[in-house]
N, C-alpha and C. Protein backbone atom coordinates (compact mmCIF):
# COMPACT_ATOMS: atom_id res chain seq x y z
N PHE A 1 94.70 95.08 101.57
CA PHE A 1 94.95 96.33 102.25
C PHE A 1 94.12 96.33 103.51
N CYS A 2 94.72 96.50 104.70
CA CYS A 2 94.02 96.62 106.01
C CYS A 2 93.66 98.07 106.21
N CYS A 3 92.37 98.27 106.30
CA CYS A 3 91.87 99.67 106.44
C CYS A 3 92.21 100.27 107.84
N LYS A 4 92.22 99.43 108.85
CA LYS A 4 92.49 99.91 110.19
C LYS A 4 93.97 100.21 110.38
N CYS A 5 94.85 99.46 109.81
CA CYS A 5 96.32 99.68 110.00
C CYS A 5 96.90 100.46 108.86
N CYS A 6 96.14 100.65 107.71
CA CYS A 6 96.66 101.29 106.53
C CYS A 6 97.91 100.61 106.04
N LEU A 7 97.77 99.21 105.85
CA LEU A 7 98.87 98.41 105.43
C LEU A 7 98.50 97.66 104.19
N PHE A 8 99.43 97.63 103.17
CA PHE A 8 99.25 96.79 102.01
C PHE A 8 99.84 95.36 102.38
N LEU A 9 99.05 94.28 102.22
CA LEU A 9 99.53 93.01 102.61
C LEU A 9 99.28 91.94 101.56
N CYS A 10 100.22 91.09 101.31
CA CYS A 10 100.01 89.90 100.43
C CYS A 10 99.04 88.96 101.10
N GLN A 11 98.60 87.94 100.41
CA GLN A 11 97.65 86.95 100.97
C GLN A 11 98.25 86.27 102.23
N LYS A 12 99.48 85.90 102.21
CA LYS A 12 100.10 85.23 103.35
C LYS A 12 100.15 86.16 104.57
N CYS A 13 100.59 87.41 104.34
CA CYS A 13 100.71 88.34 105.41
C CYS A 13 99.31 88.73 105.99
N LYS A 14 98.31 88.75 105.11
CA LYS A 14 96.95 89.03 105.45
C LYS A 14 96.43 87.94 106.50
N ARG A 15 96.73 86.68 106.13
CA ARG A 15 96.37 85.57 107.00
C ARG A 15 97.04 85.73 108.35
N ASP A 16 98.33 86.01 108.33
CA ASP A 16 99.10 86.19 109.60
C ASP A 16 98.57 87.32 110.40
N HIS A 17 98.21 88.44 109.69
CA HIS A 17 97.74 89.64 110.36
C HIS A 17 96.34 89.35 111.02
N GLN A 18 95.57 88.60 110.39
CA GLN A 18 94.24 88.20 110.91
C GLN A 18 94.36 87.29 112.20
N ILE A 19 95.39 86.38 112.07
CA ILE A 19 95.65 85.50 113.25
C ILE A 19 96.17 86.28 114.38
N TRP A 20 97.21 87.12 114.15
CA TRP A 20 97.81 87.97 115.14
C TRP A 20 96.78 88.82 115.85
N LEU A 21 95.93 89.49 115.14
CA LEU A 21 95.03 90.50 115.68
C LEU A 21 93.57 89.91 115.67
N ARG A 22 93.43 88.61 115.95
CA ARG A 22 92.08 88.00 115.85
C ARG A 22 91.01 88.62 116.67
N LYS A 23 91.29 89.34 117.74
CA LYS A 23 90.26 89.88 118.57
C LYS A 23 89.87 91.30 118.17
N GLU A 24 90.64 91.87 117.30
CA GLU A 24 90.34 93.25 116.80
C GLU A 24 89.56 93.17 115.54
N ASP A 25 88.81 94.27 115.27
CA ASP A 25 87.94 94.35 114.10
C ASP A 25 88.73 95.07 112.95
N HIS A 26 89.30 94.29 112.10
CA HIS A 26 90.10 94.80 110.99
C HIS A 26 89.25 94.54 109.63
N GLU A 27 89.15 95.58 108.85
CA GLU A 27 88.46 95.45 107.60
C GLU A 27 89.42 95.41 106.44
N PHE A 28 89.34 94.44 105.52
CA PHE A 28 90.28 94.32 104.42
C PHE A 28 89.60 94.64 103.17
N ILE A 29 90.39 95.28 102.17
CA ILE A 29 89.90 95.62 100.88
C ILE A 29 90.82 94.88 99.95
N GLU A 30 90.35 94.14 98.98
CA GLU A 30 91.14 93.42 98.04
C GLU A 30 91.55 94.44 96.90
N LEU A 31 92.83 94.48 96.57
CA LEU A 31 93.38 95.28 95.53
C LEU A 31 93.81 94.41 94.38
N GLU A 32 93.50 94.85 93.21
CA GLU A 32 93.93 94.09 91.98
C GLU A 32 94.62 95.00 91.09
N MET A 33 95.76 94.52 90.61
CA MET A 33 96.59 95.37 89.69
C MET A 33 95.92 95.36 88.33
N SER A 34 95.70 96.54 87.76
CA SER A 34 95.13 96.61 86.42
C SER A 34 96.14 97.20 85.50
N LYS A 35 96.53 96.52 84.46
CA LYS A 35 97.54 96.94 83.52
C LYS A 35 96.86 97.62 82.34
N LYS A 36 97.10 98.99 82.21
CA LYS A 36 96.51 99.70 81.11
C LYS A 36 97.49 99.66 79.91
N SER A 37 98.69 99.48 80.21
CA SER A 37 99.72 99.30 79.13
C SER A 37 100.89 98.44 79.67
N ASN A 38 101.85 98.20 78.86
CA ASN A 38 103.00 97.44 79.28
C ASN A 38 103.91 98.17 80.19
N GLU A 39 103.77 99.51 80.25
CA GLU A 39 104.67 100.32 81.11
C GLU A 39 104.08 100.43 82.43
N GLY A 40 104.90 100.28 83.49
CA GLY A 40 104.49 100.30 84.86
C GLY A 40 103.91 101.63 85.30
N SER A 41 104.32 102.71 84.60
CA SER A 41 103.89 104.05 84.97
C SER A 41 102.35 104.29 84.69
N ASN A 42 101.84 103.50 83.80
CA ASN A 42 100.37 103.60 83.44
C ASN A 42 99.49 102.57 84.13
N SER A 43 100.09 101.82 84.97
CA SER A 43 99.25 100.84 85.63
C SER A 43 98.50 101.47 86.87
N SER A 44 97.40 100.85 87.23
CA SER A 44 96.64 101.30 88.38
C SER A 44 96.08 100.16 89.20
N PHE A 45 95.48 100.49 90.31
CA PHE A 45 94.78 99.47 91.17
C PHE A 45 93.30 99.49 90.98
N LYS A 46 92.73 98.37 91.08
CA LYS A 46 91.22 98.24 91.16
C LYS A 46 90.98 97.87 92.64
N ILE A 47 90.01 98.49 93.26
CA ILE A 47 89.72 98.27 94.59
C ILE A 47 88.37 97.43 94.68
N HIS A 48 88.45 96.38 95.42
CA HIS A 48 87.23 95.48 95.58
C HIS A 48 86.81 95.57 97.02
N PHE A 49 85.76 96.32 97.23
CA PHE A 49 85.20 96.48 98.61
C PHE A 49 84.29 95.35 98.99
N PRO A 50 84.32 94.87 100.15
CA PRO A 50 83.33 93.86 100.47
C PRO A 50 81.97 94.40 100.51
N PRO A 51 80.94 93.56 100.16
CA PRO A 51 79.58 94.03 100.04
C PRO A 51 79.15 94.69 101.39
N GLN A 52 78.46 95.87 101.35
CA GLN A 52 77.96 96.47 102.54
C GLN A 52 76.61 95.94 102.84
N LYS A 53 76.30 95.66 104.10
CA LYS A 53 75.02 95.08 104.51
C LYS A 53 74.18 96.26 105.05
N CYS A 54 72.89 96.09 104.93
CA CYS A 54 71.89 97.18 105.38
C CYS A 54 71.89 97.26 106.90
N PRO A 55 71.96 98.46 107.41
CA PRO A 55 71.96 98.63 108.92
C PRO A 55 70.52 98.58 109.49
N MET A 56 69.48 98.57 108.66
CA MET A 56 68.14 98.57 109.12
C MET A 56 67.73 97.26 109.86
N PRO A 57 67.04 97.30 110.95
CA PRO A 57 66.55 96.08 111.70
C PRO A 57 65.77 95.19 110.70
N GLY A 58 66.16 93.95 110.69
CA GLY A 58 65.41 92.94 109.84
C GLY A 58 65.99 92.94 108.47
N HIS A 59 66.88 93.77 108.03
CA HIS A 59 67.41 93.78 106.73
C HIS A 59 68.94 93.39 106.72
N SER A 60 69.44 92.90 107.80
CA SER A 60 70.91 92.74 107.97
C SER A 60 71.55 91.78 106.92
N LYS A 61 70.77 90.98 106.24
CA LYS A 61 71.34 90.08 105.30
C LYS A 61 71.27 90.72 103.84
N GLU A 62 70.61 91.86 103.72
CA GLU A 62 70.49 92.49 102.41
C GLU A 62 71.65 93.35 102.12
N GLU A 63 72.20 93.28 100.91
CA GLU A 63 73.31 94.09 100.47
C GLU A 63 72.84 95.47 100.03
N LEU A 64 73.58 96.50 100.27
CA LEU A 64 73.28 97.83 99.81
C LEU A 64 73.66 97.95 98.31
N LYS A 65 72.76 97.66 97.47
CA LYS A 65 72.95 97.65 95.99
C LYS A 65 72.40 98.80 95.20
N PHE A 66 71.62 99.66 95.88
CA PHE A 66 70.93 100.72 95.24
C PHE A 66 71.22 102.11 95.87
N PHE A 67 71.10 103.14 95.13
CA PHE A 67 71.31 104.49 95.63
C PHE A 67 70.00 105.23 95.40
N CYS A 68 69.42 105.71 96.52
CA CYS A 68 68.17 106.54 96.51
C CYS A 68 68.62 107.93 96.15
N GLU A 69 68.35 108.42 94.98
CA GLU A 69 68.72 109.69 94.57
C GLU A 69 67.91 110.80 95.24
N THR A 70 66.71 110.43 95.70
CA THR A 70 65.87 111.45 96.36
C THR A 70 66.44 111.73 97.82
N CYS A 71 66.89 110.65 98.49
CA CYS A 71 67.40 110.86 99.88
C CYS A 71 68.96 110.92 99.90
N GLU A 72 69.60 110.59 98.74
CA GLU A 72 70.99 110.56 98.69
C GLU A 72 71.70 109.62 99.59
N ILE A 73 71.12 108.35 99.67
CA ILE A 73 71.73 107.34 100.52
C ILE A 73 71.70 105.99 99.91
N LEU A 74 72.51 105.08 100.35
CA LEU A 74 72.52 103.69 99.86
C LEU A 74 71.36 102.96 100.55
N VAL A 75 70.65 102.12 99.73
CA VAL A 75 69.56 101.33 100.29
C VAL A 75 69.64 99.90 99.76
N CYS A 76 69.01 98.99 100.48
CA CYS A 76 68.90 97.62 100.06
C CYS A 76 67.56 97.37 99.32
N ARG A 77 67.36 96.23 98.76
CA ARG A 77 66.14 95.91 98.06
C ARG A 77 64.89 96.08 98.94
N ASP A 78 64.99 95.67 100.18
CA ASP A 78 63.87 95.76 101.08
C ASP A 78 63.49 97.26 101.37
N CYS A 79 64.57 98.07 101.66
CA CYS A 79 64.32 99.49 101.93
C CYS A 79 63.69 100.14 100.73
N MET A 80 64.17 99.71 99.49
CA MET A 80 63.69 100.30 98.30
C MET A 80 62.18 100.07 98.10
N ALA A 81 61.75 98.88 98.50
CA ALA A 81 60.37 98.50 98.28
C ALA A 81 59.50 99.05 99.35
N ILE A 82 60.02 99.29 100.55
CA ILE A 82 59.16 99.69 101.70
C ILE A 82 59.29 101.24 101.94
N THR A 83 60.43 101.75 102.24
CA THR A 83 60.62 103.14 102.60
C THR A 83 60.82 104.06 101.44
N HIS A 84 61.47 103.55 100.38
CA HIS A 84 61.86 104.46 99.22
C HIS A 84 61.13 104.11 97.96
N GLU A 85 59.88 103.59 98.05
CA GLU A 85 59.26 103.04 96.89
C GLU A 85 58.93 104.01 95.77
N ASN A 86 58.65 105.30 96.03
CA ASN A 86 58.31 106.27 95.05
C ASN A 86 59.41 107.28 94.78
N HIS A 87 60.67 106.93 95.23
CA HIS A 87 61.80 107.75 95.09
C HIS A 87 62.66 107.43 93.81
N LYS A 88 63.34 108.38 93.37
CA LYS A 88 64.22 108.16 92.19
C LYS A 88 65.42 107.36 92.68
N ARG A 89 65.76 106.28 92.00
CA ARG A 89 66.86 105.43 92.44
C ARG A 89 67.57 104.80 91.26
N SER A 90 68.82 104.33 91.55
CA SER A 90 69.68 103.81 90.61
C SER A 90 70.39 102.53 91.26
N TYR A 91 70.90 101.67 90.39
CA TYR A 91 71.84 100.65 90.92
C TYR A 91 73.07 101.37 91.34
N LEU A 92 73.70 100.91 92.39
CA LEU A 92 74.89 101.53 92.91
C LEU A 92 75.95 101.62 91.83
N HIS A 93 76.20 100.57 91.02
CA HIS A 93 77.24 100.59 90.00
C HIS A 93 76.96 101.62 88.95
N GLN A 94 75.70 101.81 88.63
CA GLN A 94 75.39 102.89 87.63
C GLN A 94 75.63 104.25 88.15
N MET A 95 75.31 104.49 89.43
CA MET A 95 75.59 105.78 90.05
C MET A 95 77.02 106.02 90.24
N SER A 96 77.83 104.98 90.51
CA SER A 96 79.25 105.21 90.65
C SER A 96 79.87 105.57 89.30
N ASP A 97 79.41 104.98 88.21
CA ASP A 97 79.93 105.26 86.86
C ASP A 97 79.66 106.67 86.49
N LYS A 98 78.48 107.18 86.86
CA LYS A 98 78.06 108.62 86.58
C LYS A 98 78.97 109.55 87.39
N GLU A 99 79.23 109.21 88.60
CA GLU A 99 80.06 109.99 89.49
C GLU A 99 81.53 110.03 88.93
N LYS A 100 81.95 108.89 88.45
CA LYS A 100 83.34 108.87 87.87
C LYS A 100 83.47 109.82 86.71
N GLU A 101 82.38 109.83 85.84
CA GLU A 101 82.39 110.71 84.70
C GLU A 101 82.42 112.21 85.13
N VAL A 102 81.68 112.53 86.12
CA VAL A 102 81.63 113.86 86.65
C VAL A 102 83.01 114.28 87.24
N PHE A 103 83.62 113.40 87.96
CA PHE A 103 84.93 113.59 88.62
C PHE A 103 85.96 113.84 87.49
N ARG A 104 85.93 112.98 86.42
CA ARG A 104 86.92 113.12 85.34
C ARG A 104 86.61 114.33 84.43
N GLY A 105 85.45 114.90 84.54
CA GLY A 105 85.08 116.08 83.69
C GLY A 105 84.60 115.68 82.32
N GLU A 106 84.04 114.44 82.23
CA GLU A 106 83.62 113.96 80.91
C GLU A 106 82.19 114.39 80.64
C-alpha cells in the first residue's frame, strides 16, 4: 500500500511505482491477508508498518519501541535511559494490545 498515493499495489507494481516515482518520497506499508475462517467475509488485513526511527539528534538509528506513559509519546531505548528514566513506560506492542482491548470494549 502506498501511503502517499493511497494505492494498493502487488509486489511487481510496487517495484514499478518506486522506479517511476524514484525522486518522490513514497512510504509503503506491507499488508498481509489474515484468514480467520474459510469464508472471505470474515477475512481481514494485517498491516506491517516499517519501523519508526527516533527523531532525536544522535538517536537516528534507534527504533521507537517503547511508549512513555507519563509523556504519552513513543521513545527509543536511548531516550528511555536518558530523558524518560523515571517515567512509566511500556513496550509499544504491549501498549497497542491494551489500546485494542479498550477500542473493542473488552
